[in-house]
C-alpha atoms as a PDB file:
ATOM      1  CA  UNK A   1     -18.516 -72.448 -57.397  1.00  0.00           C
ATOM      2  CA  UNK A   2     -21.173 -74.394 -55.448  1.00  0.00           C
ATOM      3  CA  UNK A   3     -20.227 -77.558 -57.335  1.00  0.00           C
ATOM      4  CA  UNK A   4     -16.567 -77.068 -56.435  1.00  0.00           C
ATOM      5  CA  UNK A   5     -17.392 -76.565 -52.746  1.00  0.00           C
ATOM      6  CA  UNK A   6     -19.585 -79.670 -52.749  1.00  0.00           C
ATOM      7  CA  UNK A   7     -16.775 -81.655 -54.384  1.00  0.00           C
ATOM      8  CA  UNK A   8     -14.247 -80.429 -51.808  1.00  0.00           C
ATOM      9  CA  UNK A   9     -16.636 -81.237 -48.955  1.00  0.00           C
ATOM     10  CA  UNK A  10     -17.130 -84.739 -50.363  1.00  0.00           C
ATOM     11  CA  UNK A  11     -13.381 -85.270 -50.618  1.00  0.00           C
ATOM     12  CA  UNK A  12     -12.925 -84.063 -47.033  1.00  0.00           C
ATOM     13  CA  UNK A  13     -15.586 -86.481 -45.766  1.00  0.00           C
ATOM     14  CA  UNK A  14     -13.991 -89.390 -47.628  1.00  0.00           C
ATOM     15  CA  UNK A  15     -10.563 -88.481 -46.243  1.00  0.00           C
ATOM     16  CA  UNK A  16     -11.904 -88.425 -42.679  1.00  0.00           C
ATOM     17  CA  UNK A  17     -13.601 -91.791 -43.184  1.00  0.00           C
ATOM     18  CA  UNK A  18     -10.488 -93.337 -44.729  1.00  0.00           C
ATOM     19  CA  UNK A  19      -8.233 -92.014 -41.976  1.00  0.00           C
ATOM     20  CA  UNK A  20     -10.629 -93.258 -39.318  1.00  0.00           C
ATOM     21  CA  UNK A  21     -10.864 -96.770 -40.753  1.00  0.00           C
ATOM     22  CA  UNK A  22      -7.263 -97.383 -41.773  1.00  0.00           C
ATOM     23  CA  UNK A  23      -5.385 -96.907 -38.493  1.00  0.00           C
ATOM     24  CA  UNK A  24      -7.979 -98.832 -36.453  1.00  0.00           C
ATOM     25  CA  UNK A  25      -7.892-101.746 -38.895  1.00  0.00           C
ATOM     26  CA  UNK A  26      -4.098-101.749 -38.811  1.00  0.00           C
ATOM     27  CA  UNK A  27      -4.090-101.665 -35.009  1.00  0.00           C
ATOM     28  CA  UNK A  28      -6.484-104.611 -34.780  1.00  0.00           C
ATOM     29  CA  UNK A  29      -4.637-106.529 -37.499  1.00  0.00           C
ATOM     30  CA  UNK A  30      -1.328-106.194 -35.655  1.00  0.00           C
ATOM     31  CA  UNK A  31      -2.649-106.903 -32.157  1.00  0.00           C
ATOM     32  CA  UNK A  32      -2.060-110.304 -30.591  1.00  0.00           C
ATOM     33  CA  UNK A  33      -4.370-109.265 -27.756  1.00  0.00           C
ATOM     34  CA  UNK A  34      -7.241-108.550 -30.208  1.00  0.00           C
ATOM     35  CA  UNK A  35      -6.669-111.922 -31.903  1.00  0.00           C
ATOM     36  CA  UNK A  36      -6.672-113.698 -28.531  1.00  0.00           C
ATOM     37  CA  UNK A  37      -9.914-111.993 -27.458  1.00  0.00           C
ATOM     38  CA  UNK A  38     -11.642-113.068 -30.673  1.00  0.00           C
ATOM     39  CA  UNK A  39     -10.342-116.615 -30.170  1.00  0.00           C
ATOM     40  CA  UNK A  40     -11.744-116.674 -26.621  1.00  0.00           C
ATOM     41  CA  UNK A  41     -15.130-115.401 -27.778  1.00  0.00           C
ATOM     42  CA  UNK A  42     -15.288-117.985 -30.549  1.00  0.00           C
ATOM     43  CA  UNK A  43     -14.274-120.899 -28.328  1.00  0.00           C
ATOM     44  CA  UNK A  44     -16.639-119.796 -25.533  1.00  0.00           C
ATOM     45  CA  UNK A  45     -19.590-120.260 -27.905  1.00  0.00           C
ATOM     46  CA  UNK A  46     -19.025-124.016 -27.844  1.00  0.00           C
ATOM     47  CA  UNK A  47     -18.664-124.410 -24.075  1.00  0.00           C
ATOM     48  CA  UNK A  48     -21.305-125.771 -21.702  1.00  0.00           C
ATOM     49  CA  UNK A  49     -20.714-122.982 -19.167  1.00  0.00           C
ATOM     50  CA  UNK A  50     -18.752-120.197 -20.901  1.00  0.00           C
ATOM     51  CA  UNK A  51     -19.065-117.821 -17.948  1.00  0.00           C
ATOM     52  CA  UNK A  52     -17.246-120.372 -15.771  1.00  0.00           C
ATOM     53  CA  UNK A  53     -14.314-120.811 -18.178  1.00  0.00           C
ATOM     54  CA  UNK A  54     -10.933-119.827 -16.819  1.00  0.00           C
ATOM     55  CA  UNK A  55      -8.596-118.398 -19.428  1.00  0.00           C
ATOM     56  CA  UNK A  56      -4.905-117.709 -18.879  1.00  0.00           C
ATOM     57  CA  UNK A  57      -3.406-114.375 -19.934  1.00  0.00           C
ATOM     58  CA  UNK A  58      -2.780-114.070 -23.636  1.00  0.00           C
ATOM     59  CA  UNK A  59       0.961-114.077 -22.947  1.00  0.00           C
ATOM     60  CA  UNK A  60       0.632-117.728 -21.851  1.00  0.00           C
ATOM     61  CA  UNK A  61      -0.743-118.821 -25.232  1.00  0.00           C
ATOM     62  CA  UNK A  62       1.367-119.344 -28.334  1.00  0.00           C
ATOM     63  CA  UNK A  63       0.207-116.708 -30.804  1.00  0.00           C
ATOM     64  CA  UNK A  64       1.742-116.746 -34.264  1.00  0.00           C
ATOM     65  CA  UNK A  65       1.038-114.183 -36.954  1.00  0.00           C
ATOM     66  CA  UNK A  66       1.415-116.125 -40.185  1.00  0.00           C
ATOM     67  CA  UNK A  67       2.430-115.094 -43.673  1.00  0.00           C
ATOM     68  CA  UNK A  68      -0.618-116.879 -45.134  1.00  0.00           C
ATOM     69  CA  UNK A  69      -2.642-113.667 -44.940  1.00  0.00           C
ATOM     70  CA  UNK A  70      -2.090-110.082 -43.950  1.00  0.00           C
ATOM     71  CA  UNK A  71      -3.869-110.509 -40.612  1.00  0.00           C
ATOM     72  CA  UNK A  72      -3.910-114.264 -40.033  1.00  0.00           C
ATOM     73  CA  UNK A  73      -3.107-115.759 -36.632  1.00  0.00           C
ATOM     74  CA  UNK A  74      -2.632-119.292 -35.326  1.00  0.00           C
ATOM     75  CA  UNK A  75      -3.160-119.629 -31.587  1.00  0.00           C
ATOM     76  CA  UNK A  76      -2.327-122.659 -29.442  1.00  0.00           C
ATOM     77  CA  UNK A  77      -3.359-122.685 -25.807  1.00  0.00           C
ATOM     78  CA  UNK A  78      -5.485-124.106 -23.051  1.00  0.00           C
ATOM     79  CA  UNK A  79      -8.387-123.174 -20.816  1.00  0.00           C
ATOM     80  CA  UNK A  80     -10.148-124.704 -17.861  1.00  0.00           C
ATOM     81  CA  UNK A  81     -13.839-125.308 -18.567  1.00  0.00           C
ATOM     82  CA  UNK A  82     -16.710-127.304 -17.107  1.00  0.00           C
ATOM     83  CA  UNK A  83     -17.640-130.642 -18.587  1.00  0.00           C
ATOM     84  CA  UNK A  84     -21.177-132.055 -18.619  1.00  0.00           C
ATOM     85  CA  UNK A  85     -20.866-133.085 -14.970  1.00  0.00           C
ATOM     86  CA  UNK A  86     -19.707-129.652 -13.771  1.00  0.00           C
ATOM     87  CA  UNK A  87     -16.086-130.675 -13.208  1.00  0.00           C
ATOM     88  CA  UNK A  88     -13.388-128.274 -14.383  1.00  0.00           C
ATOM     89  CA  UNK A  89     -11.275-129.895 -17.098  1.00  0.00           C
ATOM     90  CA  UNK A  90      -8.202-128.449 -18.794  1.00  0.00           C
ATOM     91  CA  UNK A  91      -8.686-128.362 -22.548  1.00  0.00           C
ATOM     92  CA  UNK A  92      -6.115-127.646 -25.201  1.00  0.00           C
ATOM     93  CA  UNK A  93      -7.134-125.848 -28.366  1.00  0.00           C
ATOM     94  CA  UNK A  94      -5.817-124.643 -31.700  1.00  0.00           C
ATOM     95  CA  UNK A  95      -7.549-121.873 -33.593  1.00  0.00           C
ATOM     96  CA  UNK A  96      -6.704-120.143 -36.840  1.00  0.00           C
ATOM     97  CA  UNK A  97      -8.341-116.786 -37.519  1.00  0.00           C
ATOM     98  CA  UNK A  98      -8.054-114.005 -40.061  1.00  0.00           C
ATOM     99  CA  UNK A  99      -8.965-110.334 -39.688  1.00  0.00           C
ATOM    100  CA  UNK A 100     -10.575-108.819 -42.780  1.00  0.00           C
ATOM    101  CA  UNK A 101      -9.695-105.134 -42.918  1.00  0.00           C
ATOM    102  CA  UNK A 102     -12.318-104.412 -45.572  1.00  0.00           C
ATOM    103  CA  UNK A 103     -15.214-105.572 -43.392  1.00  0.00           C
ATOM    104  CA  UNK A 104     -13.608-104.957 -40.005  1.00  0.00           C
ATOM    105  CA  UNK A 105     -14.433-108.505 -38.894  1.00  0.00           C
ATOM    106  CA  UNK A 106     -12.553-111.565 -37.742  1.00  0.00           C
ATOM    107  CA  UNK A 107     -13.117-114.821 -39.620  1.00  0.00           C
ATOM    108  CA  UNK A 108     -12.718-118.306 -38.196  1.00  0.00           C
ATOM    109  CA  UNK A 109     -10.533-120.467 -40.441  1.00  0.00           C
ATOM    110  CA  UNK A 110     -10.050-123.558 -38.253  1.00  0.00           C
ATOM    111  CA  UNK A 111     -10.799-124.682 -34.697  1.00  0.00           C
ATOM    112  CA  UNK A 112      -9.597-127.843 -32.961  1.00  0.00           C
ATOM    113  CA  UNK A 113     -10.437-128.646 -29.350  1.00  0.00           C
END
């Protein structure tokens, strides 16, 4: 009887974990806003003054969910960022990213600035 109860408790814990992971992963995978935020974070890493960067709303970027992967996005857009002399310059970018549900992480596929 104790073995059966332990088995049922283990199954319940696994069900809770699976239900907790699945919907969140699906929400992130299907969210243009989540993809855009990861793109901004990734691009900011290469800027001289990331805190000074001015990003438009995600609705102003072209965000395409592709059929190349379950959670793959291609994003085309622009931002205003400081150059080496401190002047604000508009920069265009293209980034391709993929969300890996198994690990719960975004992966950079390609970045062009």
